Protein backbone atom coordinates (compact mmCIF):
# COMPACT_ATOMS: atom_id res chain seq x y z
CA MET A 1 52.42 144.11 -19.14
CA MET A 2 52.68 147.01 -21.58
CA ILE A 3 49.50 148.39 -23.19
CA ASN A 4 49.61 150.19 -26.51
CA LYS A 5 48.10 153.64 -25.77
CA SER A 6 46.60 154.04 -29.25
CA ILE A 7 44.80 150.70 -28.97
CA SER A 8 43.50 151.56 -25.51
CA PHE A 9 42.35 154.97 -26.72
CA SER A 10 40.66 153.37 -29.76
CA MET A 11 38.88 150.85 -27.55
CA ILE A 12 37.62 153.61 -25.22
CA LEU A 13 36.60 155.73 -28.19
CA GLY A 14 34.78 152.77 -29.74
CA CYS A 15 32.82 152.15 -26.52
CA ALA A 16 31.90 155.83 -26.31
CA PHE A 17 30.58 155.73 -29.86
CA LEU A 18 28.48 152.64 -29.17
CA VAL A 19 26.81 154.58 -26.35
CA LEU A 20 26.29 157.56 -28.68
CA ALA A 21 24.83 155.30 -31.36
CA ALA A 22 22.36 153.81 -28.89
CA MET A 23 21.33 157.29 -27.78
CA PHE A 24 20.90 158.55 -31.36
CA SER A 25 18.90 155.55 -32.51
CA SER A 26 16.56 155.77 -29.51
CA CYS A 27 15.93 159.47 -30.20
CA ALA A 28 15.08 159.15 -33.88
CA SER A 29 12.24 161.69 -33.59
CA ARG A 30 14.55 164.48 -32.45
CA LYS A 31 17.82 165.76 -33.80
CA PRO A 32 20.76 164.74 -31.61
CA VAL A 33 22.57 167.30 -29.49
CA MET A 34 26.37 167.33 -29.51
CA VAL A 35 27.92 168.72 -26.34
CA THR A 36 31.50 169.83 -25.70
CA PRO A 37 32.81 171.27 -22.42
CA ASP A 38 32.36 174.75 -23.91
CA LYS A 39 29.10 174.54 -25.90
CA SER A 40 26.10 172.52 -26.99
CA PHE A 41 25.21 172.08 -30.65
CA SER A 42 21.65 171.04 -31.41
CA THR A 43 21.91 172.43 -34.90
CA ILE A 44 24.54 173.99 -37.10
CA GLU A 45 23.61 176.91 -39.29
CA TRP A 46 25.30 176.01 -42.55
CA THR A 47 26.18 179.07 -44.64
CA SER A 48 25.28 179.37 -48.33
CA GLU A 49 29.02 179.05 -49.06
CA GLU A 50 29.17 175.76 -47.11
CA LEU A 51 26.03 174.48 -48.81
CA ALA A 52 27.72 175.07 -52.18
CA GLN A 53 30.70 172.88 -51.19
CA ASP A 54 30.66 169.13 -51.83
CA ILE A 55 31.64 168.54 -48.20
CA ALA A 56 31.09 171.11 -45.44
CA ILE A 57 33.02 170.71 -42.18
CA HIS A 58 32.55 172.46 -38.84
CA THR A 59 35.31 171.83 -36.33
CA LEU A 60 33.63 171.62 -32.93
CA THR A 61 36.71 171.27 -30.73
CA VAL A 62 40.35 170.19 -30.84
CA THR A 63 42.42 168.56 -28.09
CA PRO A 64 46.03 167.37 -28.18
CA GLU A 65 44.75 163.83 -28.90
CA ALA A 66 41.83 164.34 -31.31
CA SER A 67 39.65 166.74 -33.27
CA TYR A 68 35.84 166.65 -33.34
CA HIS A 69 33.83 167.71 -36.39
CA LEU A 70 30.35 167.92 -37.83
CA ILE A 71 30.40 167.05 -41.53
CA ARG A 72 27.62 167.60 -44.07
CA LEU A 73 27.70 165.66 -47.35
CA ASN A 74 26.11 168.00 -49.88
CA ARG A 75 27.33 165.69 -52.65
CA SER A 76 29.09 162.34 -52.67
CA GLU A 77 32.76 162.15 -51.75
CA LYS A 78 35.46 160.79 -54.04
CA PRO A 79 37.33 157.65 -52.91
CA HIS A 80 40.19 158.71 -50.64
CA VAL A 81 42.59 157.68 -47.89
CA HIS A 82 43.85 159.35 -44.72
CA ASP A 83 47.44 158.15 -44.35
CA THR A 84 48.11 159.42 -40.82
CA HIS A 85 44.65 159.73 -39.21
CA ASP A 86 42.08 157.31 -37.78
CA LEU A 87 38.40 158.29 -37.86
CA VAL A 88 35.27 157.19 -36.06
CA ILE A 89 32.02 158.59 -37.46
CA VAL A 90 28.43 158.58 -36.25
CA ILE A 91 25.59 159.36 -38.64
CA THR A 92 23.46 162.00 -36.90
CA GLN A 93 21.02 162.96 -39.66
CA GLY A 94 19.95 161.63 -43.05
CA LYS A 95 20.93 158.46 -44.84
CA MET A 96 24.04 157.65 -46.81
CA ARG A 97 25.92 154.80 -48.39
CA PHE A 98 29.39 154.24 -47.00
CA HIS A 99 31.99 152.58 -49.20
CA TRP A 100 35.22 150.83 -48.39
CA LYS A 101 37.46 149.68 -51.21
CA ASP A 102 35.66 146.31 -51.58
CA ARG A 103 32.21 146.74 -50.01
CA SER A 104 29.39 149.17 -49.25
CA LEU A 105 26.84 149.62 -46.48
CA ASP A 106 23.72 151.80 -46.18
CA LEU A 107 23.77 153.91 -43.02
CA ALA A 108 21.16 155.80 -41.00
CA PRO A 109 21.23 157.95 -37.85
CA GLY A 110 22.96 156.18 -34.98
CA ASP A 111 25.20 154.01 -37.16
CA VAL A 112 28.90 154.07 -36.26
CA ILE A 113 31.84 153.43 -38.60
CA GLU A 114 35.51 152.99 -37.68
CA ILE A 115 37.96 154.04 -40.41
CA PRO A 116 41.58 153.10 -39.64
CA ARG A 117 44.32 155.14 -41.33
CA GLY A 118 45.20 153.87 -44.79
CA THR A 119 41.66 152.60 -45.49
CA VAL A 120 40.16 153.53 -48.88
CA HIS A 121 36.68 154.93 -48.19
CA TRP A 122 34.05 157.47 -49.26
CA GLY A 123 30.52 158.54 -48.42
CA GLU A 124 27.71 158.71 -50.95
CA LYS A 125 24.64 160.91 -50.62
CA VAL A 126 21.65 158.69 -51.58
CA THR A 127 18.61 160.88 -50.86
CA SER A 128 17.73 164.55 -51.32
CA GLU A 129 18.52 165.16 -47.63
CA SER A 130 22.20 165.82 -46.97
CA PRO A 131 23.52 163.45 -44.31
CA GLU A 132 25.31 164.93 -41.31
CA ILE A 133 28.09 163.07 -39.58
CA TYR A 134 29.82 163.52 -36.24
CA ALA A 135 33.51 162.61 -36.66
CA VAL A 136 36.35 162.09 -34.22
CA VAL A 137 39.79 162.15 -35.83
CA THR A 138 43.03 161.03 -34.15
CA PRO A 139 45.49 162.67 -34.11
CA PRO A 140 43.77 166.07 -34.63
CA PHE A 141 42.95 166.60 -38.31
CA ASP A 142 45.12 169.20 -40.02
CA GLY A 143 43.01 169.41 -43.19
CA LYS A 144 45.90 168.08 -45.31
CA ASP A 145 45.79 164.31 -44.85
CA GLN A 146 43.36 163.34 -47.60
CA ARG A 147 44.64 161.60 -50.72
CA GLU A 148 42.25 160.72 -53.55
CA VAL A 149 42.70 157.24 -54.98
C-alpha cells in the first residue's frame, strides 16, 4: 500500500496543530510561547517599520519541508491565493475574521485554520488589537507565492 507523503505530513501537521490549539485555549490568561530547537519566543518585539506595514512577518525557522512564521495583521489583508503553498495557522493573540471565497468565520486565540494551496482567503482585523498568527507553510515560503484576486 502506497501512502502519499504530502497527505501523511498534512495529517501529522493537523494533529500537531490541534494539540497547540488546545494548549493555547487553556492558557488564555497568558501569551503562548513558541519554541523551536534553537530558541523560545514568548514575545516578538515588532519594530516601528513592521508596525507601519499592513502585514508584518517574522520567520522563526525554515526546514527543507516547511517554514514557520509569526504574522501580525496591522490592517486587513486583501483577498489572495497561494498557488504552490499550503498553510496551517493558529491564532495566538487577538481576534480576527477569516474569509474564504464564499464564507467567513470569527477567530480567537487557539483557533486553527487549514488553507490548502489555491484557496482564496484573507484575514480581517476586527478590533483595535492586532491579531498575531503562528503559521506553518509547506513547502517553505519564498515570499513570492501570493497572488491577489
